[in-house]
Amino acid sequence: FFPLALCLRIFAIGPQYFLYLTSWCSILSLLATGASMNLRTRNAYLSPQTYYEENAFGMTLSYEIVVPLRLLRFFCLDEHLNSLPILKTIFYLMRSRLMRSGYALGVIWLWHATL
């Protein structure tokens, strides 16, 4: 979901998207999340121990930076929080239907769990 949303924001805003701090936070957190999904390096990225590895350029790379980069996602929440007033209005207008469907869901769940 997040890579698709990033691509759509870049397409909608254009090159100006890269001028904002939140855009760089989003890009860096997605890169760190993608890097930590690799099964071979996942333990090195997400463990609290310190690992250093020398890359092809002769520089040492610390794996401790991946977790803080993944936490940058919290700075990008303002991109998704703009829709909360609209959702609040929808929940207010549909509250009776939501309560009826929630009640039906609870009854069916309890009925299924006891039989």
N, C-alpha and C. Protein backbone atom coordinates (compact mmCIF):
# COMPACT_ATOMS: atom_id res chain seq x y z
N PHE A 1 0.81 -1.19 0.00
CA PHE A 1 0.00 0.00 0.00
C PHE A 1 0.86 1.26 0.00
N PHE A 2 1.88 1.31 0.86
CA PHE A 2 2.68 2.52 0.97
C PHE A 2 3.49 2.82 -0.29
N PRO A 3 4.10 1.82 -0.95
CA PRO A 3 4.80 2.17 -2.20
C PRO A 3 3.86 2.69 -3.29
N LEU A 4 2.66 2.13 -3.37
CA LEU A 4 1.70 2.62 -4.35
C LEU A 4 1.27 4.04 -4.03
N ALA A 5 1.02 4.33 -2.75
CA ALA A 5 0.66 5.68 -2.36
C ALA A 5 1.78 6.66 -2.65
N LEU A 6 3.03 6.24 -2.43
CA LEU A 6 4.17 7.10 -2.74
C LEU A 6 4.24 7.39 -4.23
N CYS A 7 4.07 6.37 -5.06
CA CYS A 7 4.11 6.59 -6.51
C CYS A 7 2.99 7.51 -6.97
N LEU A 8 1.81 7.35 -6.41
CA LEU A 8 0.70 8.21 -6.80
C LEU A 8 0.92 9.66 -6.35
N ARG A 9 1.52 9.85 -5.16
CA ARG A 9 1.82 11.21 -4.71
C ARG A 9 2.88 11.86 -5.60
N ILE A 10 3.89 11.10 -5.98
CA ILE A 10 4.93 11.64 -6.86
C ILE A 10 4.33 11.99 -8.22
N PHE A 11 3.43 11.14 -8.73
CA PHE A 11 2.77 11.43 -10.00
C PHE A 11 1.88 12.66 -9.91
N ALA A 12 1.16 12.81 -8.79
CA ALA A 12 0.23 13.92 -8.65
C ALA A 12 0.94 15.25 -8.41
N ILE A 13 1.98 15.25 -7.59
CA ILE A 13 2.64 16.50 -7.23
C ILE A 13 3.76 16.84 -8.20
N GLY A 14 4.43 15.83 -8.71
CA GLY A 14 5.52 16.07 -9.65
C GLY A 14 6.86 16.17 -8.94
N PRO A 15 7.84 16.79 -9.59
CA PRO A 15 9.18 16.88 -9.00
C PRO A 15 9.23 17.71 -7.71
N GLN A 16 8.23 18.54 -7.47
CA GLN A 16 8.21 19.34 -6.25
C GLN A 16 8.03 18.48 -5.02
N TYR A 17 7.61 17.24 -5.19
CA TYR A 17 7.40 16.35 -4.05
C TYR A 17 8.71 16.11 -3.29
N PHE A 18 9.82 16.12 -4.00
CA PHE A 18 11.10 15.83 -3.39
C PHE A 18 11.66 17.02 -2.60
N LEU A 19 10.97 18.15 -2.61
CA LEU A 19 11.41 19.32 -1.85
C LEU A 19 10.96 19.29 -0.39
N TYR A 20 10.03 18.41 -0.04
CA TYR A 20 9.46 18.39 1.29
C TYR A 20 10.16 17.38 2.19
N LEU A 21 10.25 17.70 3.47
CA LEU A 21 10.89 16.82 4.44
C LEU A 21 10.09 15.53 4.63
N THR A 22 8.79 15.64 4.64
CA THR A 22 7.97 14.43 4.84
C THR A 22 8.11 13.46 3.68
N SER A 23 8.37 13.97 2.49
CA SER A 23 8.57 13.07 1.36
C SER A 23 9.85 12.26 1.54
N TRP A 24 10.92 12.89 2.01
CA TRP A 24 12.16 12.16 2.25
C TRP A 24 12.01 11.18 3.41
N CYS A 25 11.25 11.55 4.43
CA CYS A 25 10.97 10.60 5.52
C CYS A 25 10.23 9.38 4.98
N SER A 26 9.27 9.60 4.12
CA SER A 26 8.51 8.50 3.55
C SER A 26 9.39 7.61 2.68
N ILE A 27 10.23 8.21 1.86
CA ILE A 27 11.10 7.43 0.98
C ILE A 27 12.11 6.62 1.79
N LEU A 28 12.75 7.25 2.78
CA LEU A 28 13.75 6.55 3.59
C LEU A 28 13.12 5.43 4.40
N SER A 29 11.94 5.66 4.94
CA SER A 29 11.30 4.60 5.73
C SER A 29 10.88 3.43 4.84
N LEU A 30 10.44 3.71 3.61
CA LEU A 30 10.09 2.62 2.70
C LEU A 30 11.33 1.83 2.28
N LEU A 31 12.44 2.52 2.06
CA LEU A 31 13.67 1.81 1.72
C LEU A 31 14.14 0.94 2.88
N ALA A 32 14.06 1.46 4.11
CA ALA A 32 14.47 0.67 5.27
C ALA A 32 13.54 -0.51 5.50
N THR A 33 12.26 -0.32 5.29
CA THR A 33 11.31 -1.42 5.44
C THR A 33 11.57 -2.48 4.38
N GLY A 34 11.81 -2.06 3.16
CA GLY A 34 12.11 -3.01 2.10
C GLY A 34 13.41 -3.76 2.34
N ALA A 35 14.41 -3.06 2.87
CA ALA A 35 15.69 -3.72 3.15
C ALA A 35 15.56 -4.73 4.28
N SER A 36 14.70 -4.45 5.24
CA SER A 36 14.56 -5.38 6.36
C SER A 36 13.64 -6.55 6.05
N MET A 37 13.03 -6.56 4.89
CA MET A 37 12.19 -7.69 4.49
C MET A 37 13.01 -8.85 3.93
N ASN A 38 14.25 -8.62 3.60
CA ASN A 38 15.11 -9.67 3.09
C ASN A 38 15.39 -10.67 4.21
N LEU A 39 15.13 -11.94 3.96
CA LEU A 39 15.26 -12.95 5.01
C LEU A 39 16.71 -13.18 5.43
N ARG A 40 17.66 -12.97 4.53
CA ARG A 40 19.06 -13.20 4.87
C ARG A 40 19.60 -12.14 5.83
N THR A 41 19.16 -10.90 5.68
CA THR A 41 19.71 -9.81 6.50
C THR A 41 18.73 -9.31 7.55
N ARG A 42 17.57 -9.93 7.68
CA ARG A 42 16.56 -9.45 8.62
C ARG A 42 17.07 -9.47 10.06
N ASN A 43 17.73 -10.54 10.48
CA ASN A 43 18.23 -10.61 11.85
C ASN A 43 19.28 -9.55 12.12
N ALA A 44 20.12 -9.29 11.14
CA ALA A 44 21.15 -8.27 11.33
C ALA A 44 20.54 -6.88 11.42
N TYR A 45 19.48 -6.63 10.66
CA TYR A 45 18.86 -5.30 10.67
C TYR A 45 18.04 -5.05 11.94
N LEU A 46 17.34 -6.04 12.43
CA LEU A 46 16.37 -5.82 13.49
C LEU A 46 16.82 -6.29 14.87
N SER A 47 18.02 -6.84 14.98
CA SER A 47 18.49 -7.28 16.29
C SER A 47 19.19 -6.12 17.01
N PRO A 48 19.21 -6.12 18.32
CA PRO A 48 19.82 -5.00 19.05
C PRO A 48 21.34 -5.05 19.07
N GLN A 49 21.95 -6.10 18.54
CA GLN A 49 23.40 -6.18 18.52
C GLN A 49 23.96 -5.28 17.43
N THR A 50 25.22 -4.91 17.57
CA THR A 50 25.87 -4.05 16.61
C THR A 50 26.61 -4.89 15.58
N TYR A 51 26.27 -4.70 14.32
CA TYR A 51 26.94 -5.38 13.22
C TYR A 51 27.56 -4.32 12.32
N TYR A 52 28.76 -4.54 11.91
CA TYR A 52 29.41 -3.67 10.94
C TYR A 52 29.88 -4.52 9.78
N GLU A 53 29.68 -4.03 8.59
CA GLU A 53 30.08 -4.77 7.40
C GLU A 53 30.71 -3.79 6.43
N GLU A 54 31.75 -4.22 5.77
CA GLU A 54 32.41 -3.35 4.80
C GLU A 54 31.81 -3.61 3.43
N ASN A 55 31.37 -2.54 2.78
CA ASN A 55 30.75 -2.71 1.48
C ASN A 55 31.79 -2.62 0.37
N ALA A 56 31.34 -2.58 -0.88
CA ALA A 56 32.24 -2.61 -2.03
C ALA A 56 33.11 -1.35 -2.12
N PHE A 57 32.66 -0.26 -1.52
CA PHE A 57 33.41 0.99 -1.59
C PHE A 57 34.40 1.14 -0.45
N GLY A 58 34.49 0.14 0.42
CA GLY A 58 35.43 0.20 1.54
C GLY A 58 34.90 0.94 2.75
N MET A 59 33.61 1.31 2.74
CA MET A 59 33.02 2.01 3.89
C MET A 59 32.33 0.98 4.78
N THR A 60 32.34 1.24 6.08
CA THR A 60 31.65 0.34 6.99
C THR A 60 30.19 0.77 7.09
N LEU A 61 29.33 -0.21 7.10
CA LEU A 61 27.90 0.03 7.14
C LEU A 61 27.36 -0.51 8.45
N SER A 62 26.71 0.34 9.20
CA SER A 62 26.11 -0.08 10.46
C SER A 62 24.65 -0.45 10.21
N TYR A 63 24.25 -1.59 10.73
CA TYR A 63 22.87 -2.02 10.57
C TYR A 63 21.94 -1.39 11.60
N GLU A 64 22.48 -0.64 12.55
CA GLU A 64 21.64 -0.05 13.60
C GLU A 64 20.77 1.09 13.08
N ILE A 65 21.02 1.60 11.92
CA ILE A 65 20.27 2.74 11.40
C ILE A 65 18.93 2.32 10.81
N VAL A 66 18.73 1.04 10.55
CA VAL A 66 17.52 0.60 9.86
C VAL A 66 16.27 0.79 10.72
N VAL A 67 16.35 0.47 11.98
CA VAL A 67 15.17 0.61 12.85
C VAL A 67 14.75 2.08 12.99
N PRO A 68 15.65 3.03 13.25
CA PRO A 68 15.20 4.44 13.26
C PRO A 68 14.66 4.91 11.91
N LEU A 69 15.21 4.40 10.83
CA LEU A 69 14.66 4.79 9.52
C LEU A 69 13.26 4.24 9.32
N ARG A 70 13.00 3.05 9.85
CA ARG A 70 11.64 2.51 9.76
C ARG A 70 10.66 3.32 10.60
N LEU A 71 11.14 3.87 11.70
CA LEU A 71 10.28 4.68 12.56
C LEU A 71 9.96 6.05 11.97
N LEU A 72 10.63 6.43 10.91
CA LEU A 72 10.31 7.69 10.24
C LEU A 72 8.89 7.69 9.67
N ARG A 73 8.29 6.51 9.56
CA ARG A 73 6.92 6.41 9.05
C ARG A 73 5.95 7.23 9.92
N PHE A 74 6.26 7.40 11.22
CA PHE A 74 5.37 8.16 12.09
C PHE A 74 5.34 9.64 11.73
N PHE A 75 6.42 10.15 11.13
CA PHE A 75 6.41 11.54 10.69
C PHE A 75 5.59 11.74 9.43
N CYS A 76 5.23 10.68 8.78
CA CYS A 76 4.46 10.76 7.54
C CYS A 76 2.96 10.58 7.78
N LEU A 77 2.53 10.53 9.01
CA LEU A 77 1.12 10.30 9.29
C LEU A 77 0.23 11.46 8.84
N ASP A 78 0.79 12.66 8.73
CA ASP A 78 -0.04 13.79 8.33
C ASP A 78 -0.57 13.63 6.91
N GLU A 79 0.07 12.81 6.10
CA GLU A 79 -0.44 12.54 4.75
C GLU A 79 -1.74 11.75 4.80
N HIS A 80 -1.92 10.96 5.85
CA HIS A 80 -3.10 10.10 5.95
C HIS A 80 -4.15 10.65 6.91
N LEU A 81 -3.78 11.59 7.77
CA LEU A 81 -4.72 12.09 8.77
C LEU A 81 -5.65 13.16 8.24
N ASN A 82 -5.44 13.64 7.03
CA ASN A 82 -6.32 14.67 6.46
C ASN A 82 -7.72 14.16 6.21
N SER A 83 -7.89 12.87 6.09
CA SER A 83 -9.21 12.31 5.79
C SER A 83 -10.03 12.00 7.05
N LEU A 84 -9.48 12.22 8.24
CA LEU A 84 -10.22 11.90 9.47
C LEU A 84 -11.51 12.70 9.65
N PRO A 85 -11.55 14.01 9.37
CA PRO A 85 -12.84 14.71 9.50
C PRO A 85 -13.91 14.16 8.56
N ILE A 86 -13.53 13.74 7.38
CA ILE A 86 -14.49 13.17 6.44
C ILE A 86 -15.00 11.84 6.97
N LEU A 87 -14.11 11.00 7.51
CA LEU A 87 -14.54 9.73 8.08
C LEU A 87 -15.44 9.93 9.29
N LYS A 88 -15.14 10.95 10.10
CA LYS A 88 -15.98 11.24 11.26
C LYS A 88 -17.39 11.60 10.81
N THR A 89 -17.51 12.39 9.76
CA THR A 89 -18.83 12.76 9.24
C THR A 89 -19.56 11.54 8.69
N ILE A 90 -18.86 10.68 8.00
CA ILE A 90 -19.49 9.47 7.45
C ILE A 90 -19.97 8.57 8.58
N PHE A 91 -19.14 8.38 9.61
CA PHE A 91 -19.55 7.55 10.74
C PHE A 91 -20.74 8.17 11.48
N TYR A 92 -20.79 9.50 11.56
CA TYR A 92 -21.91 10.15 12.23
C TYR A 92 -23.19 9.97 11.43
N LEU A 93 -23.12 10.12 10.11
CA LEU A 93 -24.32 9.99 9.28
C LEU A 93 -24.80 8.54 9.19
N MET A 94 -23.90 7.60 9.26
CA MET A 94 -24.26 6.18 9.13
C MET A 94 -24.24 5.45 10.47
N ARG A 95 -24.39 6.16 11.57
CA ARG A 95 -24.23 5.53 12.89
C ARG A 95 -25.28 4.48 13.17
N SER A 96 -26.52 4.69 12.74
CA SER A 96 -27.55 3.67 13.02
C SER A 96 -27.28 2.39 12.22
N ARG A 97 -26.88 2.54 10.98
CA ARG A 97 -26.58 1.36 10.17
C ARG A 97 -25.34 0.64 10.71
N LEU A 98 -24.34 1.41 11.14
CA LEU A 98 -23.15 0.80 11.71
C LEU A 98 -23.45 0.07 13.01
N MET A 99 -24.34 0.64 13.84
CA MET A 99 -24.70 -0.04 15.09
C MET A 99 -25.47 -1.32 14.81
N ARG A 100 -26.39 -1.29 13.84
CA ARG A 100 -27.14 -2.51 13.50
C ARG A 100 -26.23 -3.59 12.94
N SER A 101 -25.32 -3.19 12.04
CA SER A 101 -24.42 -4.20 11.47
C SER A 101 -23.41 -4.70 12.50
N GLY A 102 -22.98 -3.83 13.42
CA GLY A 102 -22.10 -4.27 14.49
C GLY A 102 -22.80 -5.23 15.44
N TYR A 103 -24.07 -4.95 15.75
CA TYR A 103 -24.84 -5.86 16.59
C TYR A 103 -25.02 -7.21 15.90
N ALA A 104 -25.35 -7.19 14.60
CA ALA A 104 -25.51 -8.44 13.86
C ALA A 104 -24.20 -9.21 13.80
N LEU A 105 -23.10 -8.51 13.61
CA LEU A 105 -21.80 -9.17 13.59
C LEU A 105 -21.50 -9.82 14.93
N GLY A 106 -21.79 -9.12 16.03
CA GLY A 106 -21.54 -9.68 17.37
C GLY A 106 -22.41 -10.89 17.64
N VAL A 107 -23.67 -10.84 17.25
CA VAL A 107 -24.58 -11.96 17.47
C VAL A 107 -24.14 -13.18 16.66
N ILE A 108 -23.81 -12.96 15.40
CA ILE A 108 -23.37 -14.08 14.56
C ILE A 108 -22.06 -14.66 15.09
N TRP A 109 -21.17 -13.80 15.54
CA TRP A 109 -19.89 -14.28 16.08
C TRP A 109 -20.10 -15.10 17.34
N LEU A 110 -20.94 -14.62 18.28
CA LEU A 110 -21.22 -15.38 19.50
C LEU A 110 -21.97 -16.67 19.19
N TRP A 111 -22.90 -16.61 18.26
CA TRP A 111 -23.65 -17.79 17.89
C TRP A 111 -22.72 -18.84 17.28
N HIS A 112 -21.82 -18.40 16.42
CA HIS A 112 -20.88 -19.33 15.81
C HIS A 112 -19.88 -19.88 16.84
N ALA A 113 -19.48 -19.04 17.80
CA ALA A 113 -18.47 -19.47 18.78
C ALA A 113 -19.04 -20.47 19.78
N THR A 114 -20.36 -20.43 20.04
CA THR A 114 -20.94 -21.32 21.02
C THR A 114 -21.44 -22.63 20.42
N LEU A 115 -21.59 -22.68 19.11
CA LEU A 115 -22.09 -23.93 18.49
C LEU A 115 -20.99 -24.80 18.01
